[in-house]
All heavy atoms as atom14 arrays in JSON, in Angstrom:
{
  "sequence": "EWSYSLVFALIALAVAGDARSHREARIHPLITSIA",
  "atom14_mask": [
    [1, 1, 1, 1, 1, 1, 1, 1, 1, 0, 0, 0, 0, 0],
    [1, 1, 1, 1, 1, 1, 1, 1, 1, 1, 1, 1, 1, 1],
    [1, 1, 1, 1, 1, 1, 0, 0, 0, 0, 0, 0, 0, 0],
    [1, 1, 1, 1, 1, 1, 1, 1, 1, 1, 1, 1, 0, 0],
    [1, 1, 1, 1, 1, 1, 0, 0, 0, 0, 0, 0, 0, 0],
    [1, 1, 1, 1, 1, 1, 1, 1, 0, 0, 0, 0, 0, 0],
    [1, 1, 1, 1, 1, 1, 1, 0, 0, 0, 0, 0, 0, 0],
    [1, 1, 1, 1, 1, 1, 1, 1, 1, 1, 1, 0, 0, 0],
    [1, 1, 1, 1, 1, 0, 0, 0, 0, 0, 0, 0, 0, 0],
    [1, 1, 1, 1, 1, 1, 1, 1, 0, 0, 0, 0, 0, 0],
    [1, 1, 1, 1, 1, 1, 1, 1, 0, 0, 0, 0, 0, 0],
    [1, 1, 1, 1, 1, 0, 0, 0, 0, 0, 0, 0, 0, 0],
    [1, 1, 1, 1, 1, 1, 1, 1, 0, 0, 0, 0, 0, 0],
    [1, 1, 1, 1, 1, 0, 0, 0, 0, 0, 0, 0, 0, 0],
    [1, 1, 1, 1, 1, 1, 1, 0, 0, 0, 0, 0, 0, 0],
    [1, 1, 1, 1, 1, 0, 0, 0, 0, 0, 0, 0, 0, 0],
    [1, 1, 1, 1, 0, 0, 0, 0, 0, 0, 0, 0, 0, 0],
    [1, 1, 1, 1, 1, 1, 1, 1, 0, 0, 0, 0, 0, 0],
    [1, 1, 1, 1, 1, 0, 0, 0, 0, 0, 0, 0, 0, 0],
    [1, 1, 1, 1, 1, 1, 1, 1, 1, 1, 1, 0, 0, 0],
    [1, 1, 1, 1, 1, 1, 0, 0, 0, 0, 0, 0, 0, 0],
    [1, 1, 1, 1, 1, 1, 1, 1, 1, 1, 0, 0, 0, 0],
    [1, 1, 1, 1, 1, 1, 1, 1, 1, 1, 1, 0, 0, 0],
    [1, 1, 1, 1, 1, 1, 1, 1, 1, 0, 0, 0, 0, 0],
    [1, 1, 1, 1, 1, 0, 0, 0, 0, 0, 0, 0, 0, 0],
    [1, 1, 1, 1, 1, 1, 1, 1, 1, 1, 1, 0, 0, 0],
    [1, 1, 1, 1, 1, 1, 1, 1, 0, 0, 0, 0, 0, 0],
    [1, 1, 1, 1, 1, 1, 1, 1, 1, 1, 0, 0, 0, 0],
    [1, 1, 1, 1, 1, 1, 1, 0, 0, 0, 0, 0, 0, 0],
    [1, 1, 1, 1, 1, 1, 1, 1, 0, 0, 0, 0, 0, 0],
    [1, 1, 1, 1, 1, 1, 1, 1, 0, 0, 0, 0, 0, 0],
    [1, 1, 1, 1, 1, 1, 1, 0, 0, 0, 0, 0, 0, 0],
    [1, 1, 1, 1, 1, 1, 0, 0, 0, 0, 0, 0, 0, 0],
    [1, 1, 1, 1, 1, 1, 1, 1, 0, 0, 0, 0, 0, 0],
    [1, 1, 1, 1, 1, 0, 0, 0, 0, 0, 0, 0, 0, 0]
  ],
  "atom14_positions": [
    [[-99.27, -102.23, 5.74], [-97.83, -102.15, 5.79], [-97.36, -101.1, 6.83], [-96.34, -101.29, 7.5], [-97.23, -101.84, 4.43], [-95.73, -102.15, 4.34], [-95.27, -102.14, 2.89], [-95.82, -101.33, 2.08], [-94.36, -102.91, 2.54], [0.0, 0.0, 0.0], [0.0, 0.0, 0.0], [0.0, 0.0, 0.0], [0.0, 0.0, 0.0], [0.0, 0.0, 0.0]],
    [[-98.14, -100.01, 6.97], [-97.73, -98.95, 7.92], [-97.73, -99.47, 9.36], [-96.96, -98.9, 10.23], [-98.69, -97.81, 7.82], [-100.1, -98.18, 8.21], [-101.08, -98.71, 7.43], [-100.65, -98.06, 9.54], [-102.22, -98.93, 8.15], [-101.98, -98.56, 9.46], [-100.19, -97.6, 10.76], [-102.83, -98.56, 10.55], [-101.01, -97.64, 11.84], [-102.31, -98.14, 11.75]],
    [[-98.5, -100.49, 9.69], [-98.62, -100.93, 11.07], [-97.41, -101.66, 11.61], [-97.31, -101.89, 12.79], [-99.86, -101.84, 11.19], [-99.69, -103.02, 10.42], [0.0, 0.0, 0.0], [0.0, 0.0, 0.0], [0.0, 0.0, 0.0], [0.0, 0.0, 0.0], [0.0, 0.0, 0.0], [0.0, 0.0, 0.0], [0.0, 0.0, 0.0], [0.0, 0.0, 0.0]],
    [[-96.51, -102.07, 10.72], [-95.36, -102.88, 11.18], [-94.42, -102.07, 12.06], [-93.65, -102.66, 12.84], [-94.62, -103.47, 10.0], [-95.33, -104.72, 9.43], [-96.22, -104.61, 8.37], [-95.16, -105.94, 10.04], [-96.88, -105.71, 7.88], [-95.84, -107.05, 9.55], [-96.67, -106.96, 8.49], [-97.37, -108.06, 8.01], [0.0, 0.0, 0.0], [0.0, 0.0, 0.0]],
    [[-94.42, -100.75, 11.95], [-93.6, -99.95, 12.87], [-94.11, -100.11, 14.27], [-93.32, -100.24, 15.24], [-93.62, -98.49, 12.42], [-93.0, -98.3, 11.2], [0.0, 0.0, 0.0], [0.0, 0.0, 0.0], [0.0, 0.0, 0.0], [0.0, 0.0, 0.0], [0.0, 0.0, 0.0], [0.0, 0.0, 0.0], [0.0, 0.0, 0.0], [0.0, 0.0, 0.0]],
    [[-95.41, -100.06, 14.46], [-95.98, -100.29, 15.81], [-95.76, -101.68, 16.27], [-95.43, -101.92, 17.46], [-97.5, -99.99, 15.76], [-97.92, -98.52, 15.52], [-99.4, -98.43, 15.27], [-97.52, -97.63, 16.69], [0.0, 0.0, 0.0], [0.0, 0.0, 0.0], [0.0, 0.0, 0.0], [0.0, 0.0, 0.0], [0.0, 0.0, 0.0], [0.0, 0.0, 0.0]],
    [[-95.88, -102.68, 15.39], [-95.69, -104.06, 15.75], [-94.28, -104.33, 16.2], [-94.04, -104.91, 17.27], [-96.05, -104.98, 14.58], [-95.76, -106.46, 14.92], [-97.53, -104.83, 14.18], [0.0, 0.0, 0.0], [0.0, 0.0, 0.0], [0.0, 0.0, 0.0], [0.0, 0.0, 0.0], [0.0, 0.0, 0.0], [0.0, 0.0, 0.0], [0.0, 0.0, 0.0]],
    [[-93.32, -103.81, 15.44], [-91.93, -104.05, 15.78], [-91.51, -103.34, 17.08], [-90.66, -103.83, 17.84], [-91.02, -103.63, 14.62], [-91.07, -104.55, 13.46], [-91.97, -105.62, 13.41], [-90.21, -104.4, 12.34], [-92.01, -106.49, 12.33], [-90.26, -105.26, 11.28], [-91.15, -106.32, 11.27], [0.0, 0.0, 0.0], [0.0, 0.0, 0.0], [0.0, 0.0, 0.0]],
    [[-92.1, -102.17, 17.31], [-91.8, -101.45, 18.55], [-92.32, -102.24, 19.75], [-91.64, -102.36, 20.78], [-92.43, -100.07, 18.51], [0.0, 0.0, 0.0], [0.0, 0.0, 0.0], [0.0, 0.0, 0.0], [0.0, 0.0, 0.0], [0.0, 0.0, 0.0], [0.0, 0.0, 0.0], [0.0, 0.0, 0.0], [0.0, 0.0, 0.0], [0.0, 0.0, 0.0]],
    [[-93.54, -102.82, 19.62], [-94.05, -103.64, 20.7], [-93.19, -104.9, 20.88], [-92.95, -105.31, 22.06], [-95.49, -104.06, 20.36], [-96.56, -102.94, 20.44], [-97.88, -103.44, 19.88], [-96.72, -102.48, 21.9], [0.0, 0.0, 0.0], [0.0, 0.0, 0.0], [0.0, 0.0, 0.0], [0.0, 0.0, 0.0], [0.0, 0.0, 0.0], [0.0, 0.0, 0.0]],
    [[-92.73, -105.51, 19.83], [-91.85, -106.67, 19.96], [-90.56, -106.34, 20.7], [-90.11, -107.02, 21.62], [-91.53, -107.26, 18.57], [-92.8, -107.88, 17.98], [-90.42, -108.3, 18.66], [-92.62, -108.35, 16.54], [0.0, 0.0, 0.0], [0.0, 0.0, 0.0], [0.0, 0.0, 0.0], [0.0, 0.0, 0.0], [0.0, 0.0, 0.0], [0.0, 0.0, 0.0]],
    [[-89.93, -105.2, 20.33], [-88.71, -104.78, 20.97], [-88.94, -104.42, 22.46], [-88.12, -104.73, 23.31], [-88.12, -103.57, 20.29], [0.0, 0.0, 0.0], [0.0, 0.0, 0.0], [0.0, 0.0, 0.0], [0.0, 0.0, 0.0], [0.0, 0.0, 0.0], [0.0, 0.0, 0.0], [0.0, 0.0, 0.0], [0.0, 0.0, 0.0], [0.0, 0.0, 0.0]],
    [[-90.08, -103.85, 22.76], [-90.43, -103.54, 24.17], [-90.63, -104.85, 24.97], [-90.24, -104.95, 26.12], [-91.7, -102.69, 24.21], [-91.51, -101.22, 23.88], [-92.89, -100.54, 23.7], [-90.74, -100.51, 25.01], [0.0, 0.0, 0.0], [0.0, 0.0, 0.0], [0.0, 0.0, 0.0], [0.0, 0.0, 0.0], [0.0, 0.0, 0.0], [0.0, 0.0, 0.0]],
    [[-91.3, -105.82, 24.35], [-91.54, -107.09, 25.03], [-90.25, -107.87, 25.27], [-90.15, -108.63, 26.21], [-92.53, -107.93, 24.24], [0.0, 0.0, 0.0], [0.0, 0.0, 0.0], [0.0, 0.0, 0.0], [0.0, 0.0, 0.0], [0.0, 0.0, 0.0], [0.0, 0.0, 0.0], [0.0, 0.0, 0.0], [0.0, 0.0, 0.0], [0.0, 0.0, 0.0]],
    [[-89.27, -107.62, 24.39], [-87.99, -108.35, 24.49], [-87.04, -107.66, 25.48], [-86.42, -108.29, 26.34], [-87.32, -108.54, 23.13], [-85.94, -109.09, 23.25], [-88.16, -109.41, 22.26], [0.0, 0.0, 0.0], [0.0, 0.0, 0.0], [0.0, 0.0, 0.0], [0.0, 0.0, 0.0], [0.0, 0.0, 0.0], [0.0, 0.0, 0.0], [0.0, 0.0, 0.0]],
    [[-86.9, -106.32, 25.33], [-85.85, -105.63, 26.07], [-86.35, -104.55, 26.99], [-85.59, -103.72, 27.51], [-84.9, -104.96, 25.07], [0.0, 0.0, 0.0], [0.0, 0.0, 0.0], [0.0, 0.0, 0.0], [0.0, 0.0, 0.0], [0.0, 0.0, 0.0], [0.0, 0.0, 0.0], [0.0, 0.0, 0.0], [0.0, 0.0, 0.0], [0.0, 0.0, 0.0]],
    [[-87.67, -104.52, 27.29], [-88.24, -103.38, 28.09], [-88.16, -103.59, 29.58], [-88.68, -102.72, 30.32], [0.0, 0.0, 0.0], [0.0, 0.0, 0.0], [0.0, 0.0, 0.0], [0.0, 0.0, 0.0], [0.0, 0.0, 0.0], [0.0, 0.0, 0.0], [0.0, 0.0, 0.0], [0.0, 0.0, 0.0], [0.0, 0.0, 0.0], [0.0, 0.0, 0.0]],
    [[-87.59, -104.67, 30.06], [-87.55, -104.87, 31.51], [-86.08, -104.96, 31.98], [-85.19, -105.21, 31.21], [-88.25, -106.17, 31.89], [-87.6, -107.4, 31.25], [-86.99, -107.2, 30.18], [-87.68, -108.47, 31.84], [0.0, 0.0, 0.0], [0.0, 0.0, 0.0], [0.0, 0.0, 0.0], [0.0, 0.0, 0.0], [0.0, 0.0, 0.0], [0.0, 0.0, 0.0]],
    [[-85.91, -104.69, 33.26], [-84.57, -104.71, 33.86], [-84.19, -106.19, 34.11], [-84.96, -106.93, 34.71], [-84.52, -103.94, 35.17], [0.0, 0.0, 0.0], [0.0, 0.0, 0.0], [0.0, 0.0, 0.0], [0.0, 0.0, 0.0], [0.0, 0.0, 0.0], [0.0, 0.0, 0.0], [0.0, 0.0, 0.0], [0.0, 0.0, 0.0], [0.0, 0.0, 0.0]],
    [[-83.02, -106.59, 33.6], [-82.59, -107.99, 33.73], [-81.15, -108.0, 34.29], [-80.34, -107.09, 34.02], [-82.63, -108.71, 32.4], [-83.99, -108.77, 31.79], [-84.86, -109.78, 32.48], [-84.33, -111.12, 32.37], [-84.62, -111.97, 31.41], [-85.44, -111.6, 30.43], [-84.1, -113.19, 31.36], [0.0, 0.0, 0.0], [0.0, 0.0, 0.0], [0.0, 0.0, 0.0]],
    [[-80.84, -109.05, 35.0], [-79.51, -109.22, 35.52], [-78.56, -109.59, 34.42], [-78.93, -110.31, 33.52], [-79.5, -110.29, 36.64], [-78.16, -110.61, 37.03], [0.0, 0.0, 0.0], [0.0, 0.0, 0.0], [0.0, 0.0, 0.0], [0.0, 0.0, 0.0], [0.0, 0.0, 0.0], [0.0, 0.0, 0.0], [0.0, 0.0, 0.0], [0.0, 0.0, 0.0]],
    [[-77.32, -109.11, 34.5], [-76.33, -109.44, 33.47], [-75.89, -110.9, 33.56], [-75.24, -111.41, 32.64], [-75.13, -108.52, 33.62], [-75.46, -107.08, 33.55], [-76.08, -106.49, 32.48], [-75.28, -106.07, 34.47], [-76.25, -105.21, 32.7], [-75.77, -104.89, 33.9], [0.0, 0.0, 0.0], [0.0, 0.0, 0.0], [0.0, 0.0, 0.0], [0.0, 0.0, 0.0]],
    [[-76.2, -111.55, 34.68], [-75.75, -112.91, 34.87], [-76.69, -113.93, 34.23], [-76.4, -115.11, 34.16], [-75.61, -113.22, 36.38], [-74.56, -112.38, 37.04], [-74.44, -112.71, 38.53], [-73.42, -111.89, 39.19], [-73.13, -111.99, 40.51], [-73.81, -112.85, 41.24], [-72.2, -111.19, 41.02], [0.0, 0.0, 0.0], [0.0, 0.0, 0.0], [0.0, 0.0, 0.0]],
    [[-77.84, -113.5, 33.8], [-78.8, -114.4, 33.18], [-78.34, -114.78, 31.78], [-77.88, -113.9, 31.04], [-80.2, -113.76, 33.14], [-80.82, -113.48, 34.47], [-82.23, -112.96, 34.33], [-82.93, -113.38, 33.38], [-82.63, -112.15, 35.16], [0.0, 0.0, 0.0], [0.0, 0.0, 0.0], [0.0, 0.0, 0.0], [0.0, 0.0, 0.0], [0.0, 0.0, 0.0]],
    [[-78.45, -116.05, 31.5], [-78.03, -116.53, 30.15], [-79.18, -116.3, 29.21], [-80.22, -116.96, 29.31], [-77.69, -118.02, 30.23], [0.0, 0.0, 0.0], [0.0, 0.0, 0.0], [0.0, 0.0, 0.0], [0.0, 0.0, 0.0], [0.0, 0.0, 0.0], [0.0, 0.0, 0.0], [0.0, 0.0, 0.0], [0.0, 0.0, 0.0], [0.0, 0.0, 0.0]],
    [[-79.02, -115.4, 28.3], [-80.03, -115.17, 27.25], [-79.36, -114.52, 26.04], [-78.32, -113.93, 26.14], [-81.16, -114.25, 27.77], [-80.72, -112.84, 28.1], [-81.95, -111.95, 28.3], [-81.59, -110.57, 28.6], [-82.46, -109.58, 28.58], [-83.74, -109.81, 28.27], [-82.11, -108.36, 28.85], [0.0, 0.0, 0.0], [0.0, 0.0, 0.0], [0.0, 0.0, 0.0]],
    [[-80.03, -114.71, 24.92], [-79.54, -114.13, 23.69], [-79.66, -112.63, 23.76], [-80.6, -112.1, 24.38], [-80.35, -114.71, 22.48], [-80.18, -116.25, 22.46], [-79.81, -114.14, 21.16], [-81.01, -116.9, 21.4], [0.0, 0.0, 0.0], [0.0, 0.0, 0.0], [0.0, 0.0, 0.0], [0.0, 0.0, 0.0], [0.0, 0.0, 0.0], [0.0, 0.0, 0.0]],
    [[-78.76, -111.91, 23.12], [-78.82, -110.45, 23.17], [-80.18, -109.97, 22.68], [-80.71, -110.47, 21.65], [-77.72, -109.88, 22.28], [-77.46, -108.39, 22.52], [-78.3, -107.42, 22.0], [-76.52, -107.76, 23.28], [-77.85, -106.25, 22.37], [-76.77, -106.41, 23.12], [0.0, 0.0, 0.0], [0.0, 0.0, 0.0], [0.0, 0.0, 0.0], [0.0, 0.0, 0.0]],
    [[-80.81, -109.01, 23.37], [-82.12, -108.57, 22.97], [-82.23, -108.07, 21.53], [-83.27, -108.25, 20.89], [-82.42, -107.41, 23.95], [-81.57, -107.75, 25.15], [-80.33, -108.4, 24.62], [0.0, 0.0, 0.0], [0.0, 0.0, 0.0], [0.0, 0.0, 0.0], [0.0, 0.0, 0.0], [0.0, 0.0, 0.0], [0.0, 0.0, 0.0], [0.0, 0.0, 0.0]],
    [[-81.17, -107.5, 21.03], [-81.2, -107.0, 19.66], [-81.35, -108.17, 18.67], [-82.15, -108.07, 17.72], [-79.91, -106.2, 19.33], [-79.79, -105.63, 17.93], [-80.97, -104.67, 17.64], [-78.47, -104.9, 17.75], [0.0, 0.0, 0.0], [0.0, 0.0, 0.0], [0.0, 0.0, 0.0], [0.0, 0.0, 0.0], [0.0, 0.0, 0.0], [0.0, 0.0, 0.0]],
    [[-80.59, -109.23, 18.9], [-80.72, -110.41, 18.03], [-82.09, -111.02, 18.13], [-82.7, -111.4, 17.08], [-79.63, -111.45, 18.38], [-78.23, -110.84, 18.2], [-79.81, -112.73, 17.57], [-77.09, -111.73, 18.61], [0.0, 0.0, 0.0], [0.0, 0.0, 0.0], [0.0, 0.0, 0.0], [0.0, 0.0, 0.0], [0.0, 0.0, 0.0], [0.0, 0.0, 0.0]],
    [[-82.61, -111.15, 19.35], [-83.96, -111.74, 19.54], [-85.02, -110.86, 18.84], [-85.9, -111.41, 18.19], [-84.26, -111.83, 21.04], [-83.26, -112.64, 21.67], [-85.6, -112.5, 21.25], [0.0, 0.0, 0.0], [0.0, 0.0, 0.0], [0.0, 0.0, 0.0], [0.0, 0.0, 0.0], [0.0, 0.0, 0.0], [0.0, 0.0, 0.0], [0.0, 0.0, 0.0]],
    [[-84.93, -109.58, 19.04], [-85.95, -108.68, 18.43], [-85.92, -108.74, 16.92], [-86.97, -108.85, 16.25], [-85.71, -107.24, 18.88], [-85.75, -107.11, 20.27], [0.0, 0.0, 0.0], [0.0, 0.0, 0.0], [0.0, 0.0, 0.0], [0.0, 0.0, 0.0], [0.0, 0.0, 0.0], [0.0, 0.0, 0.0], [0.0, 0.0, 0.0], [0.0, 0.0, 0.0]],
    [[-84.72, -108.73, 16.31], [-84.61, -108.77, 14.86], [-85.08, -110.14, 14.33], [-85.76, -110.2, 13.31], [-83.17, -108.5, 14.43], [-82.8, -107.06, 14.73], [-83.0, -108.74, 12.93], [-81.37, -106.69, 14.39], [0.0, 0.0, 0.0], [0.0, 0.0, 0.0], [0.0, 0.0, 0.0], [0.0, 0.0, 0.0], [0.0, 0.0, 0.0], [0.0, 0.0, 0.0]],
    [[-84.77, -111.21, 15.05], [-85.2, -112.57, 14.61], [-86.74, -112.65, 14.6], [-87.3, -113.16, 13.64], [-84.57, -113.61, 15.5], [0.0, 0.0, 0.0], [0.0, 0.0, 0.0], [0.0, 0.0, 0.0], [0.0, 0.0, 0.0], [0.0, 0.0, 0.0], [0.0, 0.0, 0.0], [0.0, 0.0, 0.0], [0.0, 0.0, 0.0], [0.0, 0.0, 0.0]]
  ]
}
């Protein structure tokens, strides 16, 4: 159970860790990460 903090941090980094243009159509990174 303790490992899920590391897992979720990696998921959030994979979703929102890069620079993206505001014109790109995509779901908000927070929603994607939580889903």
